[in-house]
Amino acid sequence: MSIVLAIGLALAAAEPVHSTLEHRTSLHHAGERIDAHYRGRVVLVRRQVGAVAKPGVPSTLRCSWRAHLHIEREARSGRALRSSRSIERKAVLEGSRPGWCGASENAVAEEVARRGAEIHSHLLAVANEDQAVLKAEIEPKGRSRGK
């Protein structure tokens, strides 16, 4: 039993949550309109912590979880792909539940779904922060910034 428990405690299970977030925005730079499309995917990482206790003693067994946001950005000007980038925002949500991770799988997924607006606000923040990077990536060659 102790070997099974040790293996269970050492495992960190990563699994995608089946919701895709999207955000589209446009900006003008160097006389061109750039359309940026951000696609976010939530990935849950669960970690079993604590131990099962003997009868009559409170258990410390918990499932600790974190939701990470993986974002793919594509920027186009006209039909030409100008730039793409992968961005990761770690631990946009986190929490824990008593008991085994397998038993709380649905409850964690439901909590993440209920907090969808919070996750979407992280996607919007990433898109906003990414604008400076995007402008630098699409800067025409031979042209210095600030001119």
N, C-alpha and C. Protein backbone atom coordinates (compact mmCIF):
# COMPACT_ATOMS: atom_id res chain seq x y z
N MET A 1 0.82 -1.20 0.00
CA MET A 1 0.00 0.00 0.00
C MET A 1 0.86 1.25 0.00
N SER A 2 1.97 1.25 0.73
CA SER A 2 2.80 2.46 0.81
C SER A 2 3.45 2.79 -0.53
N ILE A 3 3.77 1.78 -1.35
CA ILE A 3 4.34 2.03 -2.67
C ILE A 3 3.29 2.70 -3.56
N VAL A 4 2.07 2.21 -3.53
CA VAL A 4 0.99 2.80 -4.32
C VAL A 4 0.75 4.24 -3.88
N LEU A 5 0.75 4.49 -2.58
CA LEU A 5 0.54 5.84 -2.07
C LEU A 5 1.69 6.76 -2.49
N ALA A 6 2.92 6.28 -2.42
CA ALA A 6 4.07 7.09 -2.81
C ALA A 6 4.01 7.44 -4.29
N ILE A 7 3.63 6.49 -5.12
CA ILE A 7 3.50 6.76 -6.56
C ILE A 7 2.39 7.77 -6.80
N GLY A 8 1.27 7.61 -6.12
CA GLY A 8 0.15 8.55 -6.27
C GLY A 8 0.51 9.95 -5.84
N LEU A 9 1.28 10.08 -4.78
CA LEU A 9 1.67 11.40 -4.30
C LEU A 9 2.69 12.06 -5.22
N ALA A 10 3.49 11.28 -5.91
CA ALA A 10 4.52 11.84 -6.78
C ALA A 10 3.97 12.26 -8.13
N LEU A 11 2.82 11.74 -8.51
CA LEU A 11 2.27 12.06 -9.83
C LEU A 11 1.68 13.45 -9.88
N ALA A 12 1.94 14.12 -10.96
CA ALA A 12 1.28 15.39 -11.26
C ALA A 12 0.63 15.20 -12.61
N ALA A 13 -0.67 15.17 -12.65
CA ALA A 13 -1.39 14.89 -13.90
C ALA A 13 -1.76 16.19 -14.59
N ALA A 14 -1.35 16.35 -15.84
CA ALA A 14 -1.72 17.52 -16.63
C ALA A 14 -2.79 17.10 -17.63
N GLU A 15 -3.84 17.86 -17.72
CA GLU A 15 -4.91 17.52 -18.65
C GLU A 15 -5.56 18.79 -19.16
N PRO A 16 -5.87 18.83 -20.45
CA PRO A 16 -6.55 20.01 -20.97
C PRO A 16 -8.01 20.04 -20.57
N VAL A 17 -8.50 21.23 -20.29
CA VAL A 17 -9.92 21.42 -20.05
C VAL A 17 -10.50 21.74 -21.42
N HIS A 18 -11.61 21.15 -21.75
CA HIS A 18 -12.13 21.24 -23.11
C HIS A 18 -12.86 22.55 -23.39
N SER A 19 -12.19 23.64 -23.13
CA SER A 19 -12.77 24.93 -23.50
C SER A 19 -11.68 25.75 -24.18
N THR A 20 -12.03 26.31 -25.29
CA THR A 20 -11.08 27.14 -26.02
C THR A 20 -11.57 28.58 -25.93
N LEU A 21 -10.67 29.45 -25.56
CA LEU A 21 -10.98 30.86 -25.45
C LEU A 21 -10.41 31.56 -26.67
N GLU A 22 -11.09 32.56 -27.16
CA GLU A 22 -10.60 33.30 -28.32
C GLU A 22 -10.75 34.79 -28.11
N HIS A 23 -9.84 35.52 -28.73
CA HIS A 23 -9.90 36.98 -28.72
C HIS A 23 -9.28 37.47 -30.02
N ARG A 24 -9.95 38.39 -30.67
CA ARG A 24 -9.43 39.00 -31.90
C ARG A 24 -9.31 40.50 -31.69
N THR A 25 -8.24 41.07 -32.22
CA THR A 25 -8.05 42.50 -32.14
C THR A 25 -7.29 42.97 -33.37
N SER A 26 -7.36 44.26 -33.64
CA SER A 26 -6.64 44.85 -34.77
C SER A 26 -5.86 46.05 -34.27
N LEU A 27 -4.74 46.28 -34.92
CA LEU A 27 -3.97 47.46 -34.62
C LEU A 27 -3.34 47.97 -35.91
N HIS A 28 -3.01 49.24 -35.92
CA HIS A 28 -2.36 49.85 -37.08
C HIS A 28 -0.93 50.16 -36.70
N HIS A 29 -0.01 49.74 -37.57
CA HIS A 29 1.40 49.97 -37.30
C HIS A 29 2.13 50.07 -38.63
N ALA A 30 2.98 51.08 -38.74
CA ALA A 30 3.79 51.30 -39.95
C ALA A 30 2.90 51.36 -41.20
N GLY A 31 1.74 52.00 -41.06
CA GLY A 31 0.83 52.16 -42.19
C GLY A 31 0.06 50.92 -42.58
N GLU A 32 0.11 49.89 -41.78
CA GLU A 32 -0.60 48.65 -42.09
C GLU A 32 -1.57 48.29 -40.97
N ARG A 33 -2.64 47.61 -41.37
CA ARG A 33 -3.57 47.06 -40.37
C ARG A 33 -3.12 45.63 -40.09
N ILE A 34 -2.96 45.32 -38.83
CA ILE A 34 -2.55 44.00 -38.39
C ILE A 34 -3.70 43.40 -37.59
N ASP A 35 -4.15 42.22 -38.00
CA ASP A 35 -5.20 41.50 -37.28
C ASP A 35 -4.54 40.40 -36.46
N ALA A 36 -4.79 40.42 -35.16
CA ALA A 36 -4.21 39.42 -34.26
C ALA A 36 -5.32 38.53 -33.72
N HIS A 37 -5.06 37.24 -33.72
CA HIS A 37 -6.02 36.24 -33.24
C HIS A 37 -5.34 35.44 -32.13
N TYR A 38 -5.93 35.49 -30.94
CA TYR A 38 -5.39 34.77 -29.78
C TYR A 38 -6.32 33.61 -29.46
N ARG A 39 -5.75 32.41 -29.36
CA ARG A 39 -6.51 31.22 -28.98
C ARG A 39 -5.92 30.67 -27.69
N GLY A 40 -6.73 30.61 -26.65
CA GLY A 40 -6.26 30.13 -25.36
C GLY A 40 -6.83 28.77 -25.03
N ARG A 41 -6.04 27.99 -24.33
CA ARG A 41 -6.46 26.66 -23.90
C ARG A 41 -6.06 26.51 -22.44
N VAL A 42 -7.00 26.09 -21.61
CA VAL A 42 -6.74 25.90 -20.18
C VAL A 42 -6.25 24.47 -19.96
N VAL A 43 -5.14 24.35 -19.22
CA VAL A 43 -4.59 23.04 -18.88
C VAL A 43 -4.53 22.92 -17.36
N LEU A 44 -5.14 21.87 -16.84
CA LEU A 44 -5.14 21.62 -15.39
C LEU A 44 -3.97 20.71 -15.01
N VAL A 45 -3.32 21.08 -13.94
CA VAL A 45 -2.28 20.23 -13.36
C VAL A 45 -2.73 19.89 -11.95
N ARG A 46 -2.88 18.60 -11.70
CA ARG A 46 -3.34 18.15 -10.39
C ARG A 46 -2.20 17.42 -9.68
N ARG A 47 -2.14 17.60 -8.36
CA ARG A 47 -1.09 16.95 -7.58
C ARG A 47 -1.70 16.43 -6.29
N GLN A 48 -1.50 15.15 -6.06
CA GLN A 48 -2.01 14.52 -4.86
C GLN A 48 -1.05 14.80 -3.70
N VAL A 49 -1.57 15.35 -2.61
CA VAL A 49 -0.74 15.64 -1.44
C VAL A 49 -1.38 15.06 -0.19
N GLY A 50 -0.57 14.86 0.84
CA GLY A 50 -1.08 14.33 2.10
C GLY A 50 -1.10 12.82 2.13
N ALA A 51 -1.76 12.29 3.12
CA ALA A 51 -1.81 10.84 3.29
C ALA A 51 -3.16 10.42 3.85
N VAL A 52 -3.49 9.16 3.56
CA VAL A 52 -4.69 8.56 4.13
C VAL A 52 -4.37 8.20 5.57
N ALA A 53 -5.27 8.48 6.47
CA ALA A 53 -5.04 8.19 7.89
C ALA A 53 -5.84 6.97 8.32
N LYS A 54 -5.43 6.39 9.43
CA LYS A 54 -6.17 5.23 9.96
C LYS A 54 -7.52 5.72 10.51
N PRO A 55 -8.47 4.83 10.65
CA PRO A 55 -9.81 5.21 11.13
C PRO A 55 -9.74 5.99 12.45
N GLY A 56 -10.54 7.05 12.52
CA GLY A 56 -10.62 7.87 13.71
C GLY A 56 -9.64 9.03 13.73
N VAL A 57 -8.72 9.06 12.76
CA VAL A 57 -7.74 10.14 12.66
C VAL A 57 -8.04 10.93 11.39
N PRO A 58 -8.08 12.25 11.47
CA PRO A 58 -8.37 13.03 10.27
C PRO A 58 -7.33 12.81 9.16
N SER A 59 -7.80 12.69 7.96
CA SER A 59 -6.93 12.48 6.81
C SER A 59 -6.36 13.82 6.33
N THR A 60 -5.16 13.80 5.82
CA THR A 60 -4.55 15.00 5.24
C THR A 60 -4.54 14.91 3.72
N LEU A 61 -5.21 13.92 3.17
CA LEU A 61 -5.22 13.69 1.73
C LEU A 61 -5.97 14.81 1.02
N ARG A 62 -5.30 15.48 0.08
CA ARG A 62 -5.90 16.58 -0.68
C ARG A 62 -5.43 16.51 -2.13
N CYS A 63 -6.22 17.09 -2.99
CA CYS A 63 -5.85 17.24 -4.39
C CYS A 63 -5.60 18.73 -4.63
N SER A 64 -4.36 19.08 -4.87
CA SER A 64 -3.99 20.45 -5.16
C SER A 64 -3.99 20.62 -6.68
N TRP A 65 -4.58 21.70 -7.18
CA TRP A 65 -4.66 21.87 -8.63
C TRP A 65 -4.34 23.31 -9.04
N ARG A 66 -3.85 23.43 -10.26
CA ARG A 66 -3.57 24.73 -10.87
C ARG A 66 -4.05 24.70 -12.32
N ALA A 67 -4.58 25.82 -12.76
CA ALA A 67 -5.00 25.95 -14.16
C ALA A 67 -4.04 26.92 -14.84
N HIS A 68 -3.38 26.43 -15.89
CA HIS A 68 -2.46 27.24 -16.69
C HIS A 68 -3.16 27.61 -17.99
N LEU A 69 -2.79 28.75 -18.55
CA LEU A 69 -3.38 29.21 -19.80
C LEU A 69 -2.31 29.21 -20.89
N HIS A 70 -2.50 28.38 -21.91
CA HIS A 70 -1.60 28.31 -23.06
C HIS A 70 -2.27 29.06 -24.21
N ILE A 71 -1.56 30.03 -24.76
CA ILE A 71 -2.14 30.90 -25.79
C ILE A 71 -1.29 30.82 -27.05
N GLU A 72 -1.97 30.70 -28.18
CA GLU A 72 -1.33 30.76 -29.50
C GLU A 72 -1.81 32.03 -30.18
N ARG A 73 -0.87 32.84 -30.63
CA ARG A 73 -1.21 34.09 -31.31
C ARG A 73 -0.75 34.04 -32.76
N GLU A 74 -1.65 34.40 -33.66
CA GLU A 74 -1.33 34.57 -35.08
C GLU A 74 -1.67 36.00 -35.46
N ALA A 75 -0.77 36.64 -36.16
CA ALA A 75 -1.01 38.00 -36.63
C ALA A 75 -0.89 38.00 -38.15
N ARG A 76 -1.85 38.63 -38.79
CA ARG A 76 -1.88 38.68 -40.26
C ARG A 76 -2.05 40.11 -40.73
N SER A 77 -1.49 40.35 -41.87
CA SER A 77 -1.69 41.60 -42.58
C SER A 77 -2.18 41.20 -43.96
N GLY A 78 -3.45 41.48 -44.25
CA GLY A 78 -4.03 40.96 -45.50
C GLY A 78 -4.16 39.46 -45.37
N ARG A 79 -3.65 38.73 -46.35
CA ARG A 79 -3.70 37.27 -46.29
C ARG A 79 -2.39 36.66 -45.82
N ALA A 80 -1.37 37.48 -45.70
CA ALA A 80 -0.05 36.97 -45.33
C ALA A 80 0.09 36.84 -43.81
N LEU A 81 0.60 35.70 -43.37
CA LEU A 81 0.89 35.51 -41.96
C LEU A 81 2.16 36.29 -41.65
N ARG A 82 2.07 37.19 -40.72
CA ARG A 82 3.21 38.02 -40.39
C ARG A 82 3.97 37.51 -39.18
N SER A 83 3.27 36.92 -38.24
CA SER A 83 3.92 36.54 -37.00
C SER A 83 3.05 35.55 -36.23
N SER A 84 3.71 34.63 -35.53
CA SER A 84 2.99 33.74 -34.63
C SER A 84 3.84 33.57 -33.37
N ARG A 85 3.16 33.25 -32.29
CA ARG A 85 3.86 33.17 -31.01
C ARG A 85 3.05 32.31 -30.04
N SER A 86 3.74 31.58 -29.20
CA SER A 86 3.12 30.84 -28.11
C SER A 86 3.42 31.56 -26.81
N ILE A 87 2.40 31.71 -25.99
CA ILE A 87 2.53 32.41 -24.72
C ILE A 87 1.91 31.53 -23.64
N GLU A 88 2.55 31.46 -22.49
CA GLU A 88 2.00 30.67 -21.40
C GLU A 88 1.86 31.55 -20.16
N ARG A 89 0.69 31.51 -19.57
CA ARG A 89 0.44 32.21 -18.31
C ARG A 89 0.20 31.12 -17.27
N LYS A 90 1.12 31.00 -16.34
CA LYS A 90 1.05 29.93 -15.34
C LYS A 90 0.11 30.30 -14.19
N ALA A 91 -0.55 29.30 -13.67
CA ALA A 91 -1.38 29.38 -12.47
C ALA A 91 -2.36 30.56 -12.48
N VAL A 92 -3.19 30.62 -13.52
CA VAL A 92 -4.21 31.68 -13.56
C VAL A 92 -5.30 31.42 -12.52
N LEU A 93 -5.49 30.16 -12.18
CA LEU A 93 -6.40 29.75 -11.10
C LEU A 93 -5.71 28.63 -10.33
N GLU A 94 -6.04 28.52 -9.05
CA GLU A 94 -5.53 27.39 -8.29
C GLU A 94 -6.44 27.12 -7.11
N GLY A 95 -6.36 25.91 -6.60
CA GLY A 95 -7.18 25.54 -5.47
C GLY A 95 -6.84 24.15 -4.99
N SER A 96 -7.63 23.66 -4.06
CA SER A 96 -7.44 22.29 -3.58
C SER A 96 -8.78 21.74 -3.11
N ARG A 97 -8.87 20.43 -3.10
CA ARG A 97 -10.08 19.73 -2.67
C ARG A 97 -9.67 18.58 -1.76
N PRO A 98 -10.48 18.25 -0.79
CA PRO A 98 -10.14 17.11 0.06
C PRO A 98 -10.29 15.80 -0.72
N GLY A 99 -9.45 14.83 -0.39
CA GLY A 99 -9.57 13.49 -0.98
C GLY A 99 -8.67 13.29 -2.19
N TRP A 100 -8.99 12.23 -2.93
CA TRP A 100 -8.21 11.83 -4.10
C TRP A 100 -8.51 12.74 -5.29
N CYS A 101 -7.49 12.97 -6.12
CA CYS A 101 -7.66 13.82 -7.31
C CYS A 101 -8.68 13.22 -8.28
N GLY A 102 -8.66 11.92 -8.44
CA GLY A 102 -9.60 11.28 -9.35
C GLY A 102 -11.05 11.49 -8.94
N ALA A 103 -11.30 11.53 -7.65
CA ALA A 103 -12.66 11.70 -7.15
C ALA A 103 -13.15 13.14 -7.30
N SER A 104 -12.23 14.10 -7.38
CA SER A 104 -12.65 15.50 -7.47
C SER A 104 -12.50 16.08 -8.88
N GLU A 105 -12.24 15.23 -9.84
CA GLU A 105 -12.02 15.66 -11.22
C GLU A 105 -13.16 16.52 -11.77
N ASN A 106 -14.38 16.07 -11.63
CA ASN A 106 -15.53 16.82 -12.14
C ASN A 106 -15.75 18.13 -11.39
N ALA A 107 -15.56 18.11 -10.07
CA ALA A 107 -15.76 19.31 -9.26
C ALA A 107 -14.74 20.39 -9.65
N VAL A 108 -13.51 19.99 -9.90
CA VAL A 108 -12.47 20.96 -10.30
C VAL A 108 -12.81 21.53 -11.68
N ALA A 109 -13.20 20.67 -12.61
CA ALA A 109 -13.57 21.14 -13.96
C ALA A 109 -14.75 22.11 -13.89
N GLU A 110 -15.72 21.83 -13.03
CA GLU A 110 -16.87 22.73 -12.87
C GLU A 110 -16.45 24.07 -12.27
N GLU A 111 -15.54 24.04 -11.32
CA GLU A 111 -15.06 25.29 -10.72
C GLU A 111 -14.32 26.14 -11.76
N VAL A 112 -13.49 25.50 -12.57
CA VAL A 112 -12.77 26.22 -13.63
C VAL A 112 -13.78 26.81 -14.62
N ALA A 113 -14.81 26.06 -14.97
CA ALA A 113 -15.83 26.56 -15.90
C ALA A 113 -16.59 27.74 -15.30
N ARG A 114 -16.91 27.68 -14.01
CA ARG A 114 -17.60 28.80 -13.34
C ARG A 114 -16.75 30.06 -13.33
N ARG A 115 -15.45 29.89 -13.31
CA ARG A 115 -14.54 31.04 -13.25
C ARG A 115 -14.01 31.41 -14.64
N GLY A 116 -14.79 31.10 -15.66
CA GLY A 116 -14.39 31.38 -17.04
C GLY A 116 -14.13 32.85 -17.32
N ALA A 117 -14.90 33.74 -16.72
CA ALA A 117 -14.70 35.18 -16.93
C ALA A 117 -13.34 35.61 -16.40
N GLU A 118 -12.92 35.03 -15.31
CA GLU A 118 -11.60 35.33 -14.74
C GLU A 118 -10.49 34.87 -15.69
N ILE A 119 -10.66 33.71 -16.27
CA ILE A 119 -9.67 33.19 -17.22
C ILE A 119 -9.64 34.07 -18.47
N HIS A 120 -10.82 34.47 -18.94
CA HIS A 120 -10.90 35.31 -20.13
C HIS A 120 -10.21 36.65 -19.88
N SER A 121 -10.30 37.18 -18.66
CA SER A 121 -9.62 38.44 -18.35
C SER A 121 -8.10 38.27 -18.43
N HIS A 122 -7.59 37.08 -18.11
CA HIS A 122 -6.16 36.81 -18.26
C HIS A 122 -5.78 36.80 -19.74
N LEU A 123 -6.65 36.22 -20.58
CA LEU A 123 -6.39 36.22 -22.02
C LEU A 123 -6.33 37.64 -22.56
N LEU A 124 -7.26 38.49 -22.14
CA LEU A 124 -7.26 39.88 -22.59
C LEU A 124 -6.02 40.62 -22.11
N ALA A 125 -5.58 40.35 -20.89
CA ALA A 125 -4.36 40.98 -20.36
C ALA A 125 -3.14 40.56 -21.17
N VAL A 126 -3.05 39.28 -21.52
CA VAL A 126 -1.94 38.79 -22.33
C VAL A 126 -1.96 39.47 -23.69
N ALA A 127 -3.13 39.58 -24.31
CA ALA A 127 -3.24 40.23 -25.62
C ALA A 127 -2.79 41.69 -25.54
N ASN A 128 -3.16 42.37 -24.48
CA ASN A 128 -2.76 43.76 -24.29
C ASN A 128 -1.25 43.87 -24.10
N GLU A 129 -0.67 43.01 -23.28
CA GLU A 129 0.77 43.02 -23.05
C GLU A 129 1.55 42.64 -24.30
N ASP A 130 0.95 41.84 -25.16
CA ASP A 130 1.62 41.34 -26.36
C ASP A 130 1.71 42.38 -27.47
N GLN A 131 0.96 43.45 -27.40
CA GLN A 131 0.96 44.43 -28.50
C GLN A 131 2.34 45.01 -28.79
N ALA A 132 3.11 45.31 -27.75
CA ALA A 132 4.46 45.86 -27.97
C ALA A 132 5.36 44.83 -28.64
N VAL A 133 5.25 43.58 -28.24
CA VAL A 133 6.04 42.51 -28.86
C VAL A 133 5.63 42.34 -30.32
N LEU A 134 4.34 42.36 -30.57
CA LEU A 134 3.82 42.21 -31.93
C LEU A 134 4.33 43.33 -32.83
N LYS A 135 4.28 44.56 -32.35
CA LYS A 135 4.77 45.69 -33.15
C LYS A 135 6.25 45.54 -33.46
N ALA A 136 7.02 45.06 -32.50
CA ALA A 136 8.46 44.86 -32.72
C ALA A 136 8.70 43.75 -33.74
N GLU A 137 7.89 42.71 -33.71
CA GLU A 137 8.05 41.59 -34.64
C GLU A 137 7.73 41.97 -36.08
N ILE A 138 6.79 42.88 -36.27
CA ILE A 138 6.37 43.21 -37.63
C ILE A 138 7.03 44.49 -38.16
N GLU A 139 7.90 45.09 -37.37
CA GLU A 139 8.59 46.31 -37.80
C GLU A 139 9.30 46.05 -39.12
N PRO A 140 9.08 46.90 -40.13
CA PRO A 140 9.77 46.70 -41.41
C PRO A 140 11.28 46.74 -41.22
N LYS A 141 11.99 45.88 -41.97
CA LYS A 141 13.45 45.82 -41.88
C LYS A 141 14.03 47.15 -42.35
N GLY A 142 15.11 47.55 -41.67
CA GLY A 142 15.79 48.79 -42.05
C GLY A 142 15.17 50.03 -41.46
N ARG A 143 14.07 49.87 -40.73
CA ARG A 143 13.42 51.02 -40.11
C ARG A 143 13.62 50.95 -38.61
N SER A 144 14.13 51.99 -38.04
CA SER A 144 14.37 51.96 -36.59
C SER A 144 13.10 52.41 -35.87
N ARG A 145 12.91 51.89 -34.68
CA ARG A 145 11.73 52.25 -33.90
C ARG A 145 11.85 53.69 -33.42
N GLY A 146 10.71 54.33 -33.28
CA GLY A 146 10.69 55.69 -32.76
C GLY A 146 10.73 56.73 -33.86
N LYS A 147 10.88 56.35 -35.11
CA LYS A 147 10.90 57.30 -36.21
C LYS A 147 9.59 57.33 -36.94
